[in-house]
Amino acid sequence: MNPEQMAQLSRQRKPTDEKRREFLAELREAENAEREVLLAALRTGAAQSQLITNVLKTVGTCLAGQTITTDEALEWVADEELLEWIRLGPEGRQS
């Protein structure tokens, strides 16, 4: 292969290599964006779970300190839409 043919081959490969690099860069950008969205969703979920924990602990503290009745505690938990997080009765037992 003469130098002219090598130069021509090199010119042919460069757009392909450049396109490949561009494609890989786009993939990395998309993956980074997806990672950021997932990380934000995880942070949101962690914050929500902490809020649920804080509300349930507060209700429990008030109930233990006898500042609210059991009915008021259940009403409070219901108002916060957290009844699904507490288990009462036989169905609440874990196997």
N, C-alpha and C. Protein backbone atom coordinates (compact mmCIF):
# COMPACT_ATOMS: atom_id res chain seq x y z
N MET A 1 0.85 -1.17 0.00
CA MET A 1 0.00 0.00 0.00
C MET A 1 0.90 1.23 0.00
N ASN A 2 0.62 2.11 -0.95
CA ASN A 2 1.44 3.31 -1.05
C ASN A 2 0.94 4.40 -0.09
N PRO A 3 1.74 5.44 0.13
CA PRO A 3 1.35 6.50 1.07
C PRO A 3 0.04 7.18 0.71
N GLU A 4 -0.22 7.31 -0.59
CA GLU A 4 -1.47 7.93 -1.02
C GLU A 4 -2.67 7.09 -0.59
N GLN A 5 -2.58 5.79 -0.77
CA GLN A 5 -3.67 4.89 -0.36
C GLN A 5 -3.84 4.89 1.16
N MET A 6 -2.73 4.94 1.89
CA MET A 6 -2.78 4.97 3.35
C MET A 6 -3.47 6.25 3.84
N ALA A 7 -3.15 7.38 3.20
CA ALA A 7 -3.76 8.65 3.57
C ALA A 7 -5.25 8.63 3.28
N GLN A 8 -5.62 8.06 2.14
CA GLN A 8 -7.03 7.97 1.79
C GLN A 8 -7.77 7.07 2.78
N LEU A 9 -7.17 5.96 3.15
CA LEU A 9 -7.77 5.05 4.12
C LEU A 9 -7.92 5.74 5.47
N SER A 10 -6.92 6.50 5.84
CA SER A 10 -6.97 7.22 7.11
C SER A 10 -8.11 8.23 7.12
N ARG A 11 -8.28 8.95 6.00
CA ARG A 11 -9.37 9.92 5.89
C ARG A 11 -10.73 9.22 5.97
N GLN A 12 -10.83 8.03 5.40
CA GLN A 12 -12.08 7.28 5.44
C GLN A 12 -12.40 6.83 6.87
N ARG A 13 -11.40 6.47 7.62
CA ARG A 13 -11.61 5.98 8.98
C ARG A 13 -11.92 7.09 9.97
N LYS A 14 -11.37 8.25 9.76
CA LYS A 14 -11.56 9.33 10.72
C LYS A 14 -13.03 9.68 10.94
N PRO A 15 -13.82 9.86 9.89
CA PRO A 15 -15.23 10.14 10.16
C PRO A 15 -15.90 9.01 10.95
N THR A 16 -15.54 7.77 10.63
CA THR A 16 -16.11 6.63 11.34
C THR A 16 -15.68 6.67 12.79
N ASP A 17 -14.40 6.90 13.05
CA ASP A 17 -13.91 6.98 14.42
C ASP A 17 -14.54 8.17 15.15
N GLU A 18 -14.65 9.28 14.43
CA GLU A 18 -15.24 10.47 15.04
C GLU A 18 -16.72 10.22 15.37
N LYS A 19 -17.43 9.59 14.45
CA LYS A 19 -18.84 9.28 14.68
C LYS A 19 -18.97 8.31 15.86
N ARG A 20 -18.07 7.35 15.94
CA ARG A 20 -18.09 6.41 17.04
C ARG A 20 -17.85 7.13 18.36
N ARG A 21 -16.89 8.04 18.38
CA ARG A 21 -16.62 8.81 19.59
C ARG A 21 -17.82 9.67 19.97
N GLU A 22 -18.44 10.31 18.98
CA GLU A 22 -19.62 11.13 19.24
C GLU A 22 -20.76 10.27 19.80
N PHE A 23 -20.96 9.10 19.20
CA PHE A 23 -22.01 8.20 19.66
C PHE A 23 -21.75 7.76 21.09
N LEU A 24 -20.53 7.40 21.42
CA LEU A 24 -20.18 6.99 22.77
C LEU A 24 -20.35 8.14 23.76
N ALA A 25 -20.01 9.35 23.32
CA ALA A 25 -20.19 10.52 24.18
C ALA A 25 -21.67 10.75 24.46
N GLU A 26 -22.51 10.58 23.44
CA GLU A 26 -23.95 10.73 23.62
C GLU A 26 -24.50 9.67 24.58
N LEU A 27 -23.98 8.45 24.45
CA LEU A 27 -24.40 7.38 25.36
C LEU A 27 -24.02 7.71 26.80
N ARG A 28 -22.81 8.22 26.99
CA ARG A 28 -22.36 8.59 28.33
C ARG A 28 -23.23 9.71 28.90
N GLU A 29 -23.57 10.69 28.06
CA GLU A 29 -24.42 11.79 28.51
C GLU A 29 -25.79 11.27 28.91
N ALA A 30 -26.35 10.37 28.09
CA ALA A 30 -27.67 9.80 28.40
C ALA A 30 -27.61 9.00 29.69
N GLU A 31 -26.56 8.21 29.87
CA GLU A 31 -26.41 7.42 31.09
C GLU A 31 -26.24 8.33 32.30
N ASN A 32 -25.47 9.40 32.15
CA ASN A 32 -25.30 10.35 33.25
C ASN A 32 -26.62 11.02 33.61
N ALA A 33 -27.40 11.38 32.60
CA ALA A 33 -28.70 12.00 32.85
C ALA A 33 -29.63 11.02 33.56
N GLU A 34 -29.62 9.78 33.10
CA GLU A 34 -30.45 8.74 33.73
C GLU A 34 -30.01 8.51 35.17
N ARG A 35 -28.70 8.51 35.40
CA ARG A 35 -28.16 8.34 36.76
C ARG A 35 -28.62 9.48 37.66
N GLU A 36 -28.58 10.71 37.16
CA GLU A 36 -28.99 11.86 37.95
C GLU A 36 -30.48 11.80 38.31
N VAL A 37 -31.30 11.36 37.35
CA VAL A 37 -32.74 11.23 37.62
C VAL A 37 -32.97 10.18 38.69
N LEU A 38 -32.31 9.04 38.58
CA LEU A 38 -32.47 7.98 39.57
C LEU A 38 -31.96 8.42 40.93
N LEU A 39 -30.83 9.10 40.97
CA LEU A 39 -30.31 9.60 42.25
C LEU A 39 -31.29 10.58 42.90
N ALA A 40 -31.88 11.44 42.11
CA ALA A 40 -32.86 12.39 42.64
C ALA A 40 -34.08 11.65 43.19
N ALA A 41 -34.53 10.62 42.48
CA ALA A 41 -35.67 9.83 42.94
C ALA A 41 -35.33 9.10 44.24
N LEU A 42 -34.12 8.59 44.35
CA LEU A 42 -33.70 7.91 45.58
C LEU A 42 -33.63 8.88 46.75
N ARG A 43 -33.10 10.08 46.50
CA ARG A 43 -33.05 11.08 47.56
C ARG A 43 -34.45 11.47 48.01
N THR A 44 -35.36 11.60 47.06
CA THR A 44 -36.75 11.94 47.38
C THR A 44 -37.39 10.83 48.21
N GLY A 45 -37.17 9.59 47.80
CA GLY A 45 -37.72 8.45 48.56
C GLY A 45 -37.16 8.40 49.96
N ALA A 46 -35.87 8.65 50.11
CA ALA A 46 -35.24 8.64 51.44
C ALA A 46 -35.82 9.76 52.31
N ALA A 47 -36.03 10.92 51.73
CA ALA A 47 -36.61 12.04 52.48
C ALA A 47 -38.05 11.73 52.90
N GLN A 48 -38.82 11.12 52.00
CA GLN A 48 -40.19 10.76 52.33
C GLN A 48 -40.24 9.72 53.44
N SER A 49 -39.35 8.74 53.38
CA SER A 49 -39.34 7.71 54.43
C SER A 49 -38.95 8.32 55.78
N GLN A 50 -38.06 9.29 55.77
CA GLN A 50 -37.67 9.96 57.01
C GLN A 50 -38.85 10.76 57.57
N LEU A 51 -39.61 11.39 56.70
CA LEU A 51 -40.79 12.13 57.13
C LEU A 51 -41.81 11.19 57.76
N ILE A 52 -42.04 10.05 57.13
CA ILE A 52 -42.97 9.05 57.69
C ILE A 52 -42.49 8.61 59.07
N THR A 53 -41.21 8.31 59.19
CA THR A 53 -40.62 7.90 60.46
C THR A 53 -40.84 8.97 61.52
N ASN A 54 -40.57 10.22 61.17
CA ASN A 54 -40.71 11.32 62.13
C ASN A 54 -42.15 11.48 62.61
N VAL A 55 -43.10 11.39 61.70
CA VAL A 55 -44.51 11.53 62.09
C VAL A 55 -44.92 10.39 63.01
N LEU A 56 -44.57 9.14 62.64
CA LEU A 56 -44.96 8.01 63.48
C LEU A 56 -44.29 8.06 64.85
N LYS A 57 -43.04 8.48 64.91
CA LYS A 57 -42.36 8.62 66.20
C LYS A 57 -43.01 9.71 67.04
N THR A 58 -43.40 10.81 66.42
CA THR A 58 -44.05 11.90 67.14
C THR A 58 -45.39 11.46 67.71
N VAL A 59 -46.17 10.76 66.91
CA VAL A 59 -47.46 10.25 67.40
C VAL A 59 -47.21 9.30 68.57
N GLY A 60 -46.23 8.41 68.42
CA GLY A 60 -45.91 7.47 69.49
C GLY A 60 -45.46 8.17 70.76
N THR A 61 -44.66 9.19 70.62
CA THR A 61 -44.19 9.95 71.79
C THR A 61 -45.35 10.63 72.50
N CYS A 62 -46.25 11.23 71.73
CA CYS A 62 -47.42 11.88 72.33
C CYS A 62 -48.33 10.86 73.01
N LEU A 63 -48.50 9.72 72.39
CA LEU A 63 -49.34 8.68 72.97
C LEU A 63 -48.71 8.13 74.25
N ALA A 64 -47.41 7.88 74.22
CA ALA A 64 -46.71 7.37 75.40
C ALA A 64 -46.74 8.39 76.54
N GLY A 65 -46.67 9.66 76.21
CA GLY A 65 -46.70 10.72 77.21
C GLY A 65 -48.11 11.08 77.65
N GLN A 66 -49.08 10.36 77.10
CA GLN A 66 -50.50 10.54 77.44
C GLN A 66 -51.00 11.95 77.14
N THR A 67 -50.43 12.58 76.14
CA THR A 67 -50.93 13.89 75.72
C THR A 67 -52.04 13.76 74.68
N ILE A 68 -52.19 12.55 74.12
CA ILE A 68 -53.28 12.25 73.20
C ILE A 68 -53.83 10.88 73.55
N THR A 69 -55.08 10.64 73.15
CA THR A 69 -55.71 9.34 73.39
C THR A 69 -55.38 8.42 72.22
N THR A 70 -55.72 7.14 72.36
CA THR A 70 -55.49 6.20 71.26
C THR A 70 -56.32 6.59 70.04
N ASP A 71 -57.55 7.06 70.27
CA ASP A 71 -58.38 7.50 69.14
C ASP A 71 -57.75 8.69 68.43
N GLU A 72 -57.22 9.63 69.20
CA GLU A 72 -56.56 10.79 68.60
C GLU A 72 -55.29 10.38 67.84
N ALA A 73 -54.58 9.41 68.38
CA ALA A 73 -53.37 8.93 67.71
C ALA A 73 -53.74 8.30 66.36
N LEU A 74 -54.78 7.45 66.37
CA LEU A 74 -55.20 6.82 65.11
C LEU A 74 -55.73 7.86 64.12
N GLU A 75 -56.45 8.85 64.64
CA GLU A 75 -56.95 9.91 63.76
C GLU A 75 -55.80 10.70 63.14
N TRP A 76 -54.80 10.99 63.95
CA TRP A 76 -53.62 11.72 63.48
C TRP A 76 -52.92 10.93 62.37
N VAL A 77 -52.71 9.64 62.63
CA VAL A 77 -52.04 8.79 61.63
C VAL A 77 -52.88 8.73 60.36
N ALA A 78 -54.20 8.63 60.51
CA ALA A 78 -55.09 8.61 59.34
C ALA A 78 -55.03 9.92 58.58
N ASP A 79 -55.02 11.04 59.32
CA ASP A 79 -54.92 12.36 58.67
C ASP A 79 -53.64 12.49 57.85
N GLU A 80 -52.59 11.86 58.32
CA GLU A 80 -51.30 11.90 57.61
C GLU A 80 -51.23 10.84 56.51
N GLU A 81 -52.33 10.07 56.36
CA GLU A 81 -52.42 8.99 55.37
C GLU A 81 -51.31 7.96 55.57
N LEU A 82 -51.11 7.59 56.85
CA LEU A 82 -50.04 6.64 57.18
C LEU A 82 -50.56 5.36 57.84
N LEU A 83 -51.87 5.13 57.80
CA LEU A 83 -52.41 3.93 58.43
C LEU A 83 -51.80 2.64 57.88
N GLU A 84 -51.44 2.64 56.62
CA GLU A 84 -50.86 1.44 56.03
C GLU A 84 -49.51 1.07 56.65
N TRP A 85 -48.89 2.01 57.36
CA TRP A 85 -47.58 1.77 57.95
C TRP A 85 -47.64 1.16 59.34
N ILE A 86 -48.85 1.09 59.90
CA ILE A 86 -48.95 0.46 61.21
C ILE A 86 -49.78 -0.80 61.09
N ARG A 87 -49.47 -1.80 61.92
CA ARG A 87 -50.16 -3.08 61.91
C ARG A 87 -50.83 -3.29 63.25
N LEU A 88 -52.14 -3.53 63.21
CA LEU A 88 -52.91 -3.79 64.42
C LEU A 88 -53.61 -5.13 64.28
N GLY A 89 -53.72 -5.85 65.37
CA GLY A 89 -54.46 -7.12 65.37
C GLY A 89 -53.66 -8.27 64.79
N PRO A 90 -54.31 -9.43 64.68
CA PRO A 90 -53.63 -10.66 64.22
C PRO A 90 -52.99 -10.53 62.84
N GLU A 91 -53.63 -9.78 61.94
CA GLU A 91 -53.06 -9.66 60.59
C GLU A 91 -51.74 -8.88 60.60
N GLY A 92 -51.48 -8.20 61.70
CA GLY A 92 -50.22 -7.45 61.82
C GLY A 92 -49.03 -8.30 62.24
N ARG A 93 -49.32 -9.54 62.70
CA ARG A 93 -48.22 -10.41 63.12
C ARG A 93 -47.43 -10.89 61.91
N GLN A 94 -46.15 -10.95 62.09
CA GLN A 94 -45.29 -11.43 61.00
C GLN A 94 -44.98 -12.90 61.23
N SER A 95 -44.92 -13.66 60.15
CA SER A 95 -44.64 -15.10 60.25
C SER A 95 -43.18 -15.35 60.44
